[in-house]
Each structure stands twice: as structure tokens, then as C-alpha cells.
């Protein structure tokens, strides 16, 4: 009978205490506003639940440039079109159990924002 009680206590202790892990969320987007709103929402939700956060850290913007000729056949004056796409990136670190991440990110994130998760064990 004593063995059964101690086994139950062990199971209860394992359920309530989950291992805290460092979770790095990398968010990328072509537009700044949806990216910033998603970052602020994630940080606010994590802090409301009492988890430690670092960020959002701004990573330098990548600028992709393409220069093409306006004329499709190559005849005429040499006129050029310049196109550029900027990719903005933010990194947020959260110290929490991996099961909580679903609760923190359970809101509507703009379709233009790409979210990547990396989990480190402590």
C-alpha cells in the first residue's frame, strides 16, 4: 500500500513540473507593421503568463535587388527597371515549457509573416 501512494505522488510531481526550455521564435515578413504586431502580441502573451522573454531583436533587413532591361527584344535605348524586395526579421526568445508555445501563439498571425521555432533544452 505504501508503494502505491509513493508512485502516485511521483506521477503528480512529473505532471505539474515540466522542464523549462529556451524557445527561439524567428519571424520574417516583407512588411513591417504585421511583423511588429505579431511580435508584440507574442511577447505580451508570454509575459502575461509569467514567462521570461528577450526581444524582439531586430536583425538587419535583407534587400534583394533585380535590375532588368525594359525592352524585351534588346533593341532601342538602354533603359532599365530596378526592383527590390526587403525582408524584415525579428527574433524573440522565450523561457517556457514546450507545451505552452501553442497557447502563446494561438492567435491570428498575418499570412505574410513567416514563423520559425527552435527549441533548446536547458
PDB file of N, CA and C in Angstrom:
ATOM      1  N   UNK A   1       0.822  -1.195   0.000  1.00  0.00           N
ATOM      2  CA  UNK A   1       0.000   0.000   0.000  1.00  0.00           C
ATOM      3  C   UNK A   1       0.873   1.269   0.000  1.00  0.00           C
ATOM      4  N   UNK A   2       1.933   1.299   0.728  1.00  0.00           N
ATOM      5  CA  UNK A   2       2.835   2.437   0.745  1.00  0.00           C
ATOM      6  C   UNK A   2       3.464   2.666  -0.629  1.00  0.00           C
ATOM      7  N   UNK A   3       3.817   1.595  -1.326  1.00  0.00           N
ATOM      8  CA  UNK A   3       4.398   1.718  -2.659  1.00  0.00           C
ATOM      9  C   UNK A   3       3.455   2.422  -3.625  1.00  0.00           C
ATOM     10  N   UNK A   4       2.168   2.109  -3.558  1.00  0.00           N
ATOM     11  CA  UNK A   4       1.185   2.695  -4.470  1.00  0.00           C
ATOM     12  C   UNK A   4       1.073   4.198  -4.237  1.00  0.00           C
ATOM     13  N   UNK A   5       1.094   4.626  -2.981  1.00  0.00           N
ATOM     14  CA  UNK A   5       0.972   6.048  -2.680  1.00  0.00           C
ATOM     15  C   UNK A   5       2.179   6.830  -3.194  1.00  0.00           C
ATOM     16  N   UNK A   6       3.367   6.272  -2.999  1.00  0.00           N
ATOM     17  CA  UNK A   6       4.564   6.977  -3.470  1.00  0.00           C
ATOM     18  C   UNK A   6       4.603   7.034  -4.994  1.00  0.00           C
ATOM     19  N   UNK A   7       4.126   6.000  -5.681  1.00  0.00           N
ATOM     20  CA  UNK A   7       4.071   6.014  -7.148  1.00  0.00           C
ATOM     21  C   UNK A   7       3.118   7.108  -7.636  1.00  0.00           C
ATOM     22  N   UNK A   8       1.990   7.251  -6.962  1.00  0.00           N
ATOM     23  CA  UNK A   8       1.031   8.288  -7.349  1.00  0.00           C
ATOM     24  C   UNK A   8       1.623   9.682  -7.145  1.00  0.00           C
ATOM     25  N   UNK A   9       2.325   9.869  -6.035  1.00  0.00           N
ATOM     26  CA  UNK A   9       2.963  11.165  -5.772  1.00  0.00           C
ATOM     27  C   UNK A   9       3.992  11.496  -6.835  1.00  0.00           C
ATOM     28  N   UNK A  10       4.765  10.513  -7.265  1.00  0.00           N
ATOM     29  CA  UNK A  10       5.764  10.737  -8.307  1.00  0.00           C
ATOM     30  C   UNK A  10       5.104  11.176  -9.606  1.00  0.00           C
ATOM     31  N   UNK A  11       3.999  10.524  -9.967  1.00  0.00           N
ATOM     32  CA  UNK A  11       3.287  10.870 -11.207  1.00  0.00           C
ATOM     33  C   UNK A  11       2.743  12.290 -11.119  1.00  0.00           C
ATOM     34  N   UNK A  12       2.186  12.649  -9.981  1.00  0.00           N
ATOM     35  CA  UNK A  12       1.661  14.009  -9.819  1.00  0.00           C
ATOM     36  C   UNK A  12       2.766  15.046  -9.946  1.00  0.00           C
ATOM     37  N   UNK A  13       3.910  14.790  -9.352  1.00  0.00           N
ATOM     38  CA  UNK A  13       5.035  15.713  -9.418  1.00  0.00           C
ATOM     39  C   UNK A  13       5.541  15.893 -10.841  1.00  0.00           C
ATOM     40  N   UNK A  14       5.544  14.830 -11.632  1.00  0.00           N
ATOM     41  CA  UNK A  14       6.011  14.919 -13.018  1.00  0.00           C
ATOM     42  C   UNK A  14       5.043  15.722 -13.873  1.00  0.00           C
ATOM     43  N   UNK A  15       3.751  15.580 -13.617  1.00  0.00           N
ATOM     44  CA  UNK A  15       2.756  16.294 -14.416  1.00  0.00           C
ATOM     45  C   UNK A  15       2.812  17.801 -14.165  1.00  0.00           C
ATOM     46  N   UNK A  16       2.969  18.208 -12.907  1.00  0.00           N
ATOM     47  CA  UNK A  16       2.923  19.630 -12.595  1.00  0.00           C
ATOM     48  C   UNK A  16       4.209  20.345 -12.983  1.00  0.00           C
ATOM     49  N   UNK A  17       5.360  19.669 -12.895  1.00  0.00           N
ATOM     50  CA  UNK A  17       6.643  20.308 -13.194  1.00  0.00           C
ATOM     51  C   UNK A  17       7.126  19.864 -14.565  1.00  0.00           C
ATOM     52  N   UNK A  18       7.124  20.767 -15.499  1.00  0.00           N
ATOM     53  CA  UNK A  18       7.629  20.475 -16.838  1.00  0.00           C
ATOM     54  C   UNK A  18       8.943  21.202 -17.026  1.00  0.00           C
ATOM     55  N   UNK A  19       9.823  20.648 -17.810  1.00  0.00           N
ATOM     56  CA  UNK A  19      11.147  21.214 -17.995  1.00  0.00           C
ATOM     57  C   UNK A  19      11.075  22.525 -18.776  1.00  0.00           C
ATOM     58  N   UNK A  20      11.677  23.569 -18.217  1.00  0.00           N
ATOM     59  CA  UNK A  20      11.691  24.877 -18.878  1.00  0.00           C
ATOM     60  C   UNK A  20      12.762  24.854 -19.965  1.00  0.00           C
ATOM     61  N   UNK A  21      12.379  25.299 -21.148  1.00  0.00           N
ATOM     62  CA  UNK A  21      13.285  25.286 -22.288  1.00  0.00           C
ATOM     63  C   UNK A  21      13.384  26.669 -22.888  1.00  0.00           C
ATOM     64  N   UNK A  22      14.471  26.908 -23.597  1.00  0.00           N
ATOM     65  CA  UNK A  22      14.632  28.173 -24.317  1.00  0.00           C
ATOM     66  C   UNK A  22      14.063  27.971 -25.715  1.00  0.00           C
ATOM     67  N   UNK A  23      13.070  28.772 -26.059  1.00  0.00           N
ATOM     68  CA  UNK A  23      12.423  28.668 -27.356  1.00  0.00           C
ATOM     69  C   UNK A  23      12.705  29.944 -28.137  1.00  0.00           C
ATOM     70  N   UNK A  24      13.310  29.804 -29.302  1.00  0.00           N
ATOM     71  CA  UNK A  24      13.622  30.951 -30.152  1.00  0.00           C
ATOM     72  C   UNK A  24      12.636  30.984 -31.307  1.00  0.00           C
ATOM     73  N   UNK A  25      11.908  32.089 -31.392  1.00  0.00           N
ATOM     74  CA  UNK A  25      10.951  32.287 -32.485  1.00  0.00           C
ATOM     75  C   UNK A  25      11.546  33.298 -33.450  1.00  0.00           C
ATOM     76  N   UNK A  26      11.666  32.917 -34.702  1.00  0.00           N
ATOM     77  CA  UNK A  26      12.164  33.806 -35.744  1.00  0.00           C
ATOM     78  C   UNK A  26      10.995  34.170 -36.641  1.00  0.00           C
ATOM     79  N   UNK A  27      10.714  35.460 -36.744  1.00  0.00           N
ATOM     80  CA  UNK A  27       9.602  35.930 -37.566  1.00  0.00           C
ATOM     81  C   UNK A  27      10.155  36.732 -38.739  1.00  0.00           C
ATOM     82  N   UNK A  28       9.668  36.439 -39.948  1.00  0.00           N
ATOM     83  CA  UNK A  28      10.108  37.150 -41.151  1.00  0.00           C
ATOM     84  C   UNK A  28       8.905  37.643 -41.922  1.00  0.00           C
ATOM     85  N   UNK A  29       9.068  38.802 -42.571  1.00  0.00           N
ATOM     86  CA  UNK A  29       7.987  39.361 -43.366  1.00  0.00           C
ATOM     87  C   UNK A  29       8.524  40.409 -44.327  1.00  0.00           C
ATOM     88  N   UNK A  30       7.746  40.661 -45.384  1.00  0.00           N
ATOM     89  CA  UNK A  30       8.102  41.728 -46.325  1.00  0.00           C
ATOM     90  C   UNK A  30       7.606  43.079 -45.828  1.00  0.00           C
ATOM     91  N   UNK A  31       6.618  43.058 -44.923  1.00  0.00           N
ATOM     92  CA  UNK A  31       6.048  44.295 -44.400  1.00  0.00           C
ATOM     93  C   UNK A  31       6.328  44.391 -42.896  1.00  0.00           C
ATOM     94  N   UNK A  32       6.550  45.617 -42.420  1.00  0.00           N
ATOM     95  CA  UNK A  32       6.965  45.816 -41.031  1.00  0.00           C
ATOM     96  C   UNK A  32       5.783  45.763 -40.065  1.00  0.00           C
ATOM     97  N   UNK A  33       4.659  46.386 -40.405  1.00  0.00           N
ATOM     98  CA  UNK A  33       3.537  46.502 -39.451  1.00  0.00           C
ATOM     99  C   UNK A  33       3.004  45.156 -38.962  1.00  0.00           C
ATOM    100  N   UNK A  34       2.674  44.220 -39.864  1.00  0.00           N
ATOM    101  CA  UNK A  34       2.184  42.921 -39.352  1.00  0.00           C
ATOM    102  C   UNK A  34       3.239  42.181 -38.535  1.00  0.00           C
ATOM    103  N   UNK A  35       4.492  42.347 -38.905  1.00  0.00           N
ATOM    104  CA  UNK A  35       5.593  41.701 -38.188  1.00  0.00           C
ATOM    105  C   UNK A  35       5.701  42.247 -36.768  1.00  0.00           C
ATOM    106  N   UNK A  36       5.672  43.561 -36.626  1.00  0.00           N
ATOM    107  CA  UNK A  36       5.767  44.187 -35.301  1.00  0.00           C
ATOM    108  C   UNK A  36       4.552  43.843 -34.434  1.00  0.00           C
ATOM    109  N   UNK A  37       3.357  43.807 -35.025  1.00  0.00           N
ATOM    110  CA  UNK A  37       2.162  43.484 -34.239  1.00  0.00           C
ATOM    111  C   UNK A  37       2.204  42.034 -33.760  1.00  0.00           C
ATOM    112  N   UNK A  38       2.693  41.116 -34.601  1.00  0.00           N
ATOM    113  CA  UNK A  38       2.805  39.713 -34.187  1.00  0.00           C
ATOM    114  C   UNK A  38       3.829  39.565 -33.059  1.00  0.00           C
ATOM    115  N   UNK A  39       4.956  40.270 -33.176  1.00  0.00           N
ATOM    116  CA  UNK A  39       5.991  40.213 -32.129  1.00  0.00           C
ATOM    117  C   UNK A  39       5.467  40.739 -30.805  1.00  0.00           C
ATOM    118  N   UNK A  40       4.805  41.890 -30.844  1.00  0.00           N
ATOM    119  CA  UNK A  40       4.306  42.482 -29.603  1.00  0.00           C
ATOM    120  C   UNK A  40       3.232  41.601 -28.963  1.00  0.00           C
ATOM    121  N   UNK A  41       2.399  40.958 -29.777  1.00  0.00           N
ATOM    122  CA  UNK A  41       1.358  40.070 -29.250  1.00  0.00           C
ATOM    123  C   UNK A  41       1.984  38.837 -28.582  1.00  0.00           C
ATOM    124  N   UNK A  42       3.002  38.261 -29.207  1.00  0.00           N
ATOM    125  CA  UNK A  42       3.675  37.086 -28.648  1.00  0.00           C
ATOM    126  C   UNK A  42       4.339  37.438 -27.320  1.00  0.00           C
ATOM    127  N   UNK A  43       5.045  38.563 -27.270  1.00  0.00           N
ATOM    128  CA  UNK A  43       5.732  38.979 -26.045  1.00  0.00           C
ATOM    129  C   UNK A  43       4.715  39.280 -24.936  1.00  0.00           C
ATOM    130  N   UNK A  44       3.619  39.955 -25.285  1.00  0.00           N
ATOM    131  CA  UNK A  44       2.591  40.283 -24.294  1.00  0.00           C
ATOM    132  C   UNK A  44       1.959  39.020 -23.714  1.00  0.00           C
ATOM    133  N   UNK A  45       1.650  38.041 -24.564  1.00  0.00           N
ATOM    134  CA  UNK A  45       1.046  36.797 -24.089  1.00  0.00           C
ATOM    135  C   UNK A  45       2.008  36.020 -23.196  1.00  0.00           C
ATOM    136  N   UNK A  46       3.290  35.998 -23.568  1.00  0.00           N
ATOM    137  CA  UNK A  46       4.282  35.275 -22.763  1.00  0.00           C
ATOM    138  C   UNK A  46       4.466  35.942 -21.401  1.00  0.00           C
ATOM    139  N   UNK A  47       4.505  37.270 -21.370  1.00  0.00           N
ATOM    140  CA  UNK A  47       4.685  37.982 -20.098  1.00  0.00           C
ATOM    141  C   UNK A  47       3.451  37.872 -19.220  1.00  0.00           C
ATOM    142  N   UNK A  48       2.245  37.849 -19.816  1.00  0.00           N
ATOM    143  CA  UNK A  48       1.012  37.681 -19.033  1.00  0.00           C
ATOM    144  C   UNK A  48       0.997  36.347 -18.307  1.00  0.00           C
ATOM    145  N   UNK A  49       1.593  35.330 -18.922  1.00  0.00           N
ATOM    146  CA  UNK A  49       1.641  34.006 -18.284  1.00  0.00           C
ATOM    147  C   UNK A  49       2.839  33.869 -17.351  1.00  0.00           C
ATOM    148  N   UNK A  50       3.673  34.912 -17.278  1.00  0.00           N
ATOM    149  CA  UNK A  50       4.765  34.928 -16.312  1.00  0.00           C
ATOM    150  C   UNK A  50       6.063  34.315 -16.792  1.00  0.00           C
ATOM    151  N   UNK A  51       6.261  34.242 -18.097  1.00  0.00           N
ATOM    152  CA  UNK A  51       7.499  33.670 -18.627  1.00  0.00           C
ATOM    153  C   UNK A  51       8.477  34.775 -19.000  1.00  0.00           C
ATOM    154  N   UNK A  52       9.764  34.450 -18.900  1.00  0.00           N
ATOM    155  CA  UNK A  52      10.813  35.418 -19.195  1.00  0.00           C
ATOM    156  C   UNK A  52      11.016  35.491 -20.710  1.00  0.00           C
ATOM    157  N   UNK A  53      11.094  36.723 -21.253  1.00  0.00           N
ATOM    158  CA  UNK A  53      11.281  36.896 -22.692  1.00  0.00           C
ATOM    159  C   UNK A  53      12.467  37.815 -22.960  1.00  0.00           C
ATOM    160  N   UNK A  54      13.075  37.625 -24.108  1.00  0.00           N
ATOM    161  CA  UNK A  54      14.129  38.506 -24.600  1.00  0.00           C
ATOM    162  C   UNK A  54      13.750  38.881 -26.023  1.00  0.00           C
ATOM    163  N   UNK A  55      13.631  40.167 -26.282  1.00  0.00           N
ATOM    164  CA  UNK A  55      13.334  40.584 -27.655  1.00  0.00           C
ATOM    165  C   UNK A  55      12.045  41.354 -27.714  1.00  0.00           C
ATOM    166  N   UNK A  56      11.582  41.650 -28.891  1.00  0.00           N
ATOM    167  CA  UNK A  56      12.066  41.213 -30.200  1.00  0.00           C
ATOM    168  C   UNK A  56      13.357  41.926 -30.601  1.00  0.00           C
ATOM    169  N   UNK A  57      14.337  41.132 -31.023  1.00  0.00           N
ATOM    170  CA  UNK A  57      15.605  41.676 -31.503  1.00  0.00           C
ATOM    171  C   UNK A  57      15.490  41.859 -33.014  1.00  0.00           C
ATOM    172  N   UNK A  58      15.901  43.018 -33.480  1.00  0.00           N
ATOM    173  CA  UNK A  58      15.815  43.300 -34.904  1.00  0.00           C
ATOM    174  C   UNK A  58      17.079  42.843 -35.615  1.00  0.00           C
ATOM    175  N   UNK A  59      16.910  41.988 -36.598  1.00  0.00           N
ATOM    176  CA  UNK A  59      18.016  41.503 -37.421  1.00  0.00           C
ATOM    177  C   UNK A  59      18.088  42.425 -38.645  1.00  0.00           C
ATOM    178  N   UNK A  60      19.293  42.742 -39.156  1.00  0.00           N
ATOM    179  CA  UNK A  60      19.388  43.651 -40.301  1.00  0.00           C
ATOM    180  C   UNK A  60      18.528  43.201 -41.492  1.00  0.00           C
ATOM    181  N   UNK A  61      17.904  44.178 -42.142  1.00  0.00           N
ATOM    182  CA  UNK A  61      16.997  43.917 -43.253  1.00  0.00           C
ATOM    183  C   UNK A  61      17.772  43.438 -44.476  1.00  0.00           C
ATOM    184  N   UNK A  62      17.265  42.364 -45.085  1.00  0.00           N
ATOM    185  CA  UNK A  62      17.862  41.866 -46.322  1.00  0.00           C
ATOM    186  C   UNK A  62      17.184  42.574 -47.478  1.00  0.00           C
ATOM    187  N   UNK A  63      17.962  43.106 -48.392  1.00  0.00           N
ATOM    188  CA  UNK A  63      17.402  43.775 -49.568  1.00  0.00           C
ATOM    189  C   UNK A  63      17.787  42.966 -50.797  1.00  0.00           C
ATOM    190  N   UNK A  64      16.774  42.418 -51.468  1.00  0.00           N
ATOM    191  CA  UNK A  64      17.003  41.648 -52.689  1.00  0.00           C
ATOM    192  C   UNK A  64      16.728  42.567 -53.868  1.00  0.00           C
ATOM    193  N   UNK A  65      17.722  42.738 -54.760  1.00  0.00           N
ATOM    194  CA  UNK A  65      17.586  43.661 -55.886  1.00  0.00           C
ATOM    195  C   UNK A  65      17.715  42.919 -57.201  1.00  0.00           C
ATOM    196  N   UNK A  66      16.853  43.293 -58.161  1.00  0.00           N
ATOM    197  CA  UNK A  66      16.925  42.762 -59.522  1.00  0.00           C
ATOM    198  C   UNK A  66      16.870  43.941 -60.477  1.00  0.00           C
ATOM    199  N   UNK A  67      17.816  44.008 -61.404  1.00  0.00           N
ATOM    200  CA  UNK A  67      17.825  45.051 -62.426  1.00  0.00           C
ATOM    201  C   UNK A  67      17.633  44.375 -63.778  1.00  0.00           C
ATOM    202  N   UNK A  68      16.623  44.820 -64.548  1.00  0.00           N
ATOM    203  CA  UNK A  68      16.335  44.202 -65.851  1.00  0.00           C
ATOM    204  C   UNK A  68      16.174  45.273 -66.920  1.00  0.00           C
ATOM    205  N   UNK A  69      16.363  44.891 -68.175  1.00  0.00           N
ATOM    206  CA  UNK A  69      16.123  45.793 -69.295  1.00  0.00           C
ATOM    207  C   UNK A  69      14.636  45.956 -69.516  1.00  0.00           C
ATOM    208  N   UNK A  70      14.190  47.172 -69.842  1.00  0.00           N
ATOM    209  CA  UNK A  70      12.773  47.410 -70.127  1.00  0.00           C
ATOM    210  C   UNK A  70      12.382  46.793 -71.463  1.00  0.00           C
ATOM    211  N   UNK A  71      13.285  46.851 -72.403  1.00  0.00           N
ATOM    212  CA  UNK A  71      12.990  46.357 -73.746  1.00  0.00           C
ATOM    213  C   UNK A  71      13.137  44.836 -73.787  1.00  0.00           C
ATOM    214  N   UNK A  72      12.071  44.105 -74.211  1.00  0.00           N
ATOM    215  CA  UNK A  72      12.162  42.646 -74.231  1.00  0.00           C
ATOM    216  C   UNK A  72      13.068  42.116 -75.358  1.00  0.00           C
ATOM    217  N   UNK A  73      13.218  42.875 -76.466  1.00  0.00           N
ATOM    218  CA  UNK A  73      13.970  42.358 -77.612  1.00  0.00           C
ATOM    219  C   UNK A  73      15.429  42.810 -77.620  1.00  0.00           C
ATOM    220  N   UNK A  74      15.794  43.798 -76.794  1.00  0.00           N
ATOM    221  CA  UNK A  74      17.171  44.269 -76.764  1.00  0.00           C
ATOM    222  C   UNK A  74      17.430  45.429 -77.709  1.00  0.00           C
ATOM    223  N   UNK A  75      16.444  45.807 -78.526  1.00  0.00           N
ATOM    224  CA  UNK A  75      16.590  46.939 -79.456  1.00  0.00           C
ATOM    225  C   UNK A  75      16.286  48.243 -78.716  1.00  0.00           C
ATOM    226  N   UNK A  76      16.696  49.370 -79.275  1.00  0.00           N
ATOM    227  CA  UNK A  76      16.347  50.673 -78.720  1.00  0.00           C
ATOM    228  C   UNK A  76      17.323  51.130 -77.660  1.00  0.00           C
ATOM    229  N   UNK A  77      16.883  52.154 -76.925  1.00  0.00           N
ATOM    230  CA  UNK A  77      17.773  52.732 -75.921  1.00  0.00           C
ATOM    231  C   UNK A  77      17.913  51.779 -74.732  1.00  0.00           C
ATOM    232  N   UNK A  78      19.023  51.902 -74.052  1.00  0.00           N
ATOM    233  CA  UNK A  78      19.265  51.050 -72.883  1.00  0.00           C
ATOM    234  C   UNK A  78      18.577  51.661 -71.664  1.00  0.00           C
ATOM    235  N   UNK A  79      17.318  51.270 -71.438  1.00  0.00           N
ATOM    236  CA  UNK A  79      16.592  51.726 -70.246  1.00  0.00           C
ATOM    237  C   UNK A  79      16.385  50.515 -69.334  1.00  0.00           C
ATOM    238  N   UNK A  80      16.485  50.772 -68.040  1.00  0.00           N
ATOM    239  CA  UNK A  80      16.479  49.698 -67.058  1.00  0.00           C
ATOM    240  C   UNK A  80      15.383  49.885 -66.015  1.00  0.00           C
ATOM    241  N   UNK A  81      14.851  48.765 -65.532  1.00  0.00           N
ATOM    242  CA  UNK A  81      13.922  48.750 -64.396  1.00  0.00           C
ATOM    243  C   UNK A  81      14.660  48.167 -63.196  1.00  0.00           C
ATOM    244  N   UNK A  82      14.486  48.800 -62.040  1.00  0.00           N
ATOM    245  CA  UNK A  82      15.100  48.281 -60.815  1.00  0.00           C
ATOM    246  C   UNK A  82      13.990  47.871 -59.846  1.00  0.00           C
ATOM    247  N   UNK A  83      14.011  46.613 -59.429  1.00  0.00           N
ATOM    248  CA  UNK A  83      13.045  46.098 -58.466  1.00  0.00           C
ATOM    249  C   UNK A  83      13.791  45.695 -57.201  1.00  0.00           C
ATOM    250  N   UNK A  84      13.126  45.899 -56.072  1.00  0.00           N
ATOM    251  CA  UNK A  84      13.755  45.474 -54.831  1.00  0.00           C
ATOM    252  C   UNK A  84      12.701  44.976 -53.850  1.00  0.00           C
ATOM    253  N   UNK A  85      13.071  43.963 -53.095  1.00  0.00           N
ATOM    254  CA  UNK A  85      12.195  43.406 -52.072  1.00  0.00           C
ATOM    255  C   UNK A  85      12.979  43.385 -50.765  1.00  0.00           C
ATOM    256  N   UNK A  86      12.382  43.925 -49.714  1.00  0.00           N
ATOM    257  CA  UNK A  86      13.034  43.960 -48.405  1.00  0.00           C
ATOM    258  C   UNK A  86      12.419  42.901 -47.508  1.00  0.00           C
ATOM    259  N   UNK A  87      13.284  42.160 -46.829  1.00  0.00           N
ATOM    260  CA  UNK A  87      12.822  41.126 -45.905  1.00  0.00           C
ATOM    261  C   UNK A  87      13.255  41.528 -44.501  1.00  0.00           C
ATOM    262  N   UNK A  88      12.261  41.774 -43.639  1.00  0.00           N
ATOM    263  CA  UNK A  88      12.491  42.196 -42.254  1.00  0.00           C
ATOM    264  C   UNK A  88      12.431  40.958 -41.368  1.00  0.00           C
ATOM    265  N   UNK A  89      13.277  40.931 -40.342  1.00  0.00           N
ATOM    266  CA  UNK A  89      13.385  39.756 -39.486  1.00  0.00           C
ATOM    267  C   UNK A  89      13.454  40.173 -38.018  1.00  0.00           C
ATOM    268  N   UNK A  90      12.750  39.433 -37.160  1.00  0.00           N
ATOM    269  CA  UNK A  90      12.764  39.663 -35.717  1.00  0.00           C
ATOM    270  C   UNK A  90      12.978  38.323 -35.009  1.00  0.00           C
ATOM    271  N   UNK A  91      13.683  38.364 -33.871  1.00  0.00           N
ATOM    272  CA  UNK A  91      13.934  37.158 -33.079  1.00  0.00           C
ATOM    273  C   UNK A  91      13.423  37.398 -31.664  1.00  0.00           C
ATOM    274  N   UNK A  92      12.623  36.455 -31.149  1.00  0.00           N
ATOM    275  CA  UNK A  92      12.091  36.530 -29.784  1.00  0.00           C
ATOM    276  C   UNK A  92      12.489  35.246 -29.060  1.00  0.00           C
ATOM    277  N   UNK A  93      13.120  35.374 -27.891  1.00  0.00           N
ATOM    278  CA  UNK A  93      13.481  34.227 -27.054  1.00  0.00           C
ATOM    279  C   UNK A  93      12.532  34.168 -25.868  1.00  0.00           C
ATOM    280  N   UNK A  94      11.975  32.974 -25.620  1.00  0.00           N
ATOM    281  CA  UNK A  94      11.043  32.776 -24.504  1.00  0.00           C
ATOM    282  C   UNK A  94      11.529  31.588 -23.692  1.00  0.00           C
ATOM    283  N   UNK A  95      11.593  31.755 -22.373  1.00  0.00           N
ATOM    284  CA  UNK A  95      11.963  30.666 -21.469  1.00  0.00           C
ATOM    285  C   UNK A  95      10.674  30.071 -20.906  1.00  0.00           C
ATOM    286  N   UNK A  96      10.224  28.934 -21.481  1.00  0.00           N
ATOM    287  CA  UNK A  96       8.978  28.307 -21.038  1.00  0.00           C
ATOM    288  C   UNK A  96       8.970  26.837 -21.460  1.00  0.00           C
ATOM    289  N   UNK A  97       8.054  26.035 -20.905  1.00  0.00           N
ATOM    290  CA  UNK A  97       7.915  24.644 -21.356  1.00  0.00           C
ATOM    291  C   UNK A  97       7.403  24.604 -22.793  1.00  0.00           C
ATOM    292  N   UNK A  98       7.762  23.559 -23.520  1.00  0.00           N
ATOM    293  CA  UNK A  98       7.383  23.485 -24.935  1.00  0.00           C
ATOM    294  C   UNK A  98       5.879  23.323 -25.130  1.00  0.00           C
ATOM    295  N   UNK A  99       5.157  22.825 -24.121  1.00  0.00           N
ATOM    296  CA  UNK A  99       3.712  22.653 -24.254  1.00  0.00           C
ATOM    297  C   UNK A  99       2.969  23.994 -24.237  1.00  0.00           C
ATOM    298  N   UNK A 100       3.588  25.034 -23.706  1.00  0.00           N
ATOM    299  CA  UNK A 100       2.938  26.339 -23.567  1.00  0.00           C
ATOM    300  C   UNK A 100       2.995  27.146 -24.872  1.00  0.00           C
ATOM    301  N   UNK A 101       3.890  26.775 -25.773  1.00  0.00           N
ATOM    302  CA  UNK A 101       4.081  27.546 -27.008  1.00  0.00           C
ATOM    303  C   UNK A 101       2.782  27.639 -27.803  1.00  0.00           C
ATOM    304  N   UNK A 102       2.010  26.568 -27.832  1.00  0.00           N
ATOM    305  CA  UNK A 102       0.734  26.557 -28.560  1.00  0.00           C
ATOM    306  C   UNK A 102      -0.208  27.624 -27.998  1.00  0.00           C
ATOM    307  N   UNK A 103      -0.242  27.765 -26.669  1.00  0.00           N
ATOM    308  CA  UNK A 103      -1.105  28.770 -26.045  1.00  0.00           C
ATOM    309  C   UNK A 103      -0.643  30.189 -26.378  1.00  0.00           C
ATOM    310  N   UNK A 104       0.683  30.397 -26.395  1.00  0.00           N
ATOM    311  CA  UNK A 104       1.225  31.730 -26.653  1.00  0.00           C
ATOM    312  C   UNK A 104       0.964  32.156 -28.101  1.00  0.00           C
ATOM    313  N   UNK A 105       1.091  31.218 -29.042  1.00  0.00           N
ATOM    314  CA  UNK A 105       0.947  31.556 -30.468  1.00  0.00           C
ATOM    315  C   UNK A 105      -0.457  31.282 -30.999  1.00  0.00           C
ATOM    316  N   UNK A 106      -1.412  31.070 -30.110  1.00  0.00           N
ATOM    317  CA  UNK A 106      -2.775  30.755 -30.541  1.00  0.00           C
ATOM    318  C   UNK A 106      -3.572  32.037 -30.816  1.00  0.00           C
ATOM    319  N   UNK A 107      -3.163  32.775 -31.836  1.00  0.00           N
ATOM    320  CA  UNK A 107      -3.900  33.950 -32.301  1.00  0.00           C
ATOM    321  C   UNK A 107      -3.651  34.080 -33.802  1.00  0.00           C
ATOM    322  N   UNK A 108      -4.399  34.949 -34.449  1.00  0.00           N
ATOM    323  CA  UNK A 108      -4.291  35.072 -35.900  1.00  0.00           C
ATOM    324  C   UNK A 108      -3.057  35.895 -36.270  1.00  0.00           C
ATOM    325  N   UNK A 109      -2.094  35.232 -36.911  1.00  0.00           N
ATOM    326  CA  UNK A 109      -0.897  35.899 -37.401  1.00  0.00           C
ATOM    327  C   UNK A 109      -1.113  36.167 -38.880  1.00  0.00           C
ATOM    328  N   UNK A 110      -0.753  37.366 -39.336  1.00  0.00           N
ATOM    329  CA  UNK A 110      -0.916  37.758 -40.733  1.00  0.00           C
ATOM    330  C   UNK A 110      -0.281  36.710 -41.658  1.00  0.00           C
ATOM    331  N   UNK A 111      -0.933  36.386 -42.802  1.00  0.00           N
ATOM    332  CA  UNK A 111      -0.374  35.369 -43.705  1.00  0.00           C
ATOM    333  C   UNK A 111       0.998  35.733 -44.284  1.00  0.00           C
ATOM    334  N   UNK A 112       1.348  37.024 -44.309  1.00  0.00           N
ATOM    335  CA  UNK A 112       2.642  37.439 -44.831  1.00  0.00           C
ATOM    336  C   UNK A 112       3.786  37.249 -43.856  1.00  0.00           C
ATOM    337  N   UNK A 113       3.474  36.849 -42.610  1.00  0.00           N
ATOM    338  CA  UNK A 113       4.509  36.676 -41.582  1.00  0.00           C
ATOM    339  C   UNK A 113       4.850  35.194 -41.468  1.00  0.00           C
ATOM    340  N   UNK A 114       6.128  34.878 -41.614  1.00  0.00           N
ATOM    341  CA  UNK A 114       6.623  33.505 -41.527  1.00  0.00           C
ATOM    342  C   UNK A 114       7.221  33.301 -40.136  1.00  0.00           C
ATOM    343  N   UNK A 115       6.783  32.253 -39.424  1.00  0.00           N
ATOM    344  CA  UNK A 115       7.243  31.980 -38.062  1.00  0.00           C
ATOM    345  C   UNK A 115       8.026  30.671 -38.047  1.00  0.00           C
ATOM    346  N   UNK A 116       9.214  30.704 -37.433  1.00  0.00           N
ATOM    347  CA  UNK A 116      10.054  29.525 -37.313  1.00  0.00           C
ATOM    348  C   UNK A 116      10.396  29.337 -35.835  1.00  0.00           C
ATOM    349  N   UNK A 117      10.290  28.096 -35.329  1.00  0.00           N
ATOM    350  CA  UNK A 117      10.554  27.799 -33.919  1.00  0.00           C
ATOM    351  C   UNK A 117      11.775  26.901 -33.769  1.00  0.00           C
ATOM    352  N   UNK A 118      12.638  27.238 -32.811  1.00  0.00           N
ATOM    353  CA  UNK A 118      13.764  26.379 -32.453  1.00  0.00           C
ATOM    354  C   UNK A 118      13.699  26.186 -30.947  1.00  0.00           C
ATOM    355  N   UNK A 119      13.819  24.928 -30.480  1.00  0.00           N
ATOM    356  CA  UNK A 119      13.718  24.619 -29.053  1.00  0.00           C
ATOM    357  C   UNK A 119      15.057  24.088 -28.561  1.00  0.00           C
ATOM    358  N   UNK A 120      15.588  24.709 -27.485  1.00  0.00           N
ATOM    359  CA  UNK A 120      16.815  24.251 -26.832  1.00  0.00           C
ATOM    360  C   UNK A 120      16.477  23.710 -25.463  1.00  0.00           C
ATOM    361  N   UNK A 121      17.094  22.626 -25.072  1.00  0.00           N
ATOM    362  CA  UNK A 121      16.927  22.112 -23.718  1.00  0.00           C
ATOM    363  C   UNK A 121      17.920  22.799 -22.806  1.00  0.00           C
ATOM    364  N   UNK A 122      17.519  23.075 -21.570  1.00  0.00           N
ATOM    365  CA  UNK A 122      18.406  23.744 -20.613  1.00  0.00           C
ATOM    366  C   UNK A 122      19.190  22.731 -19.822  1.00  0.00           C
TER     367      UNK A 122
END
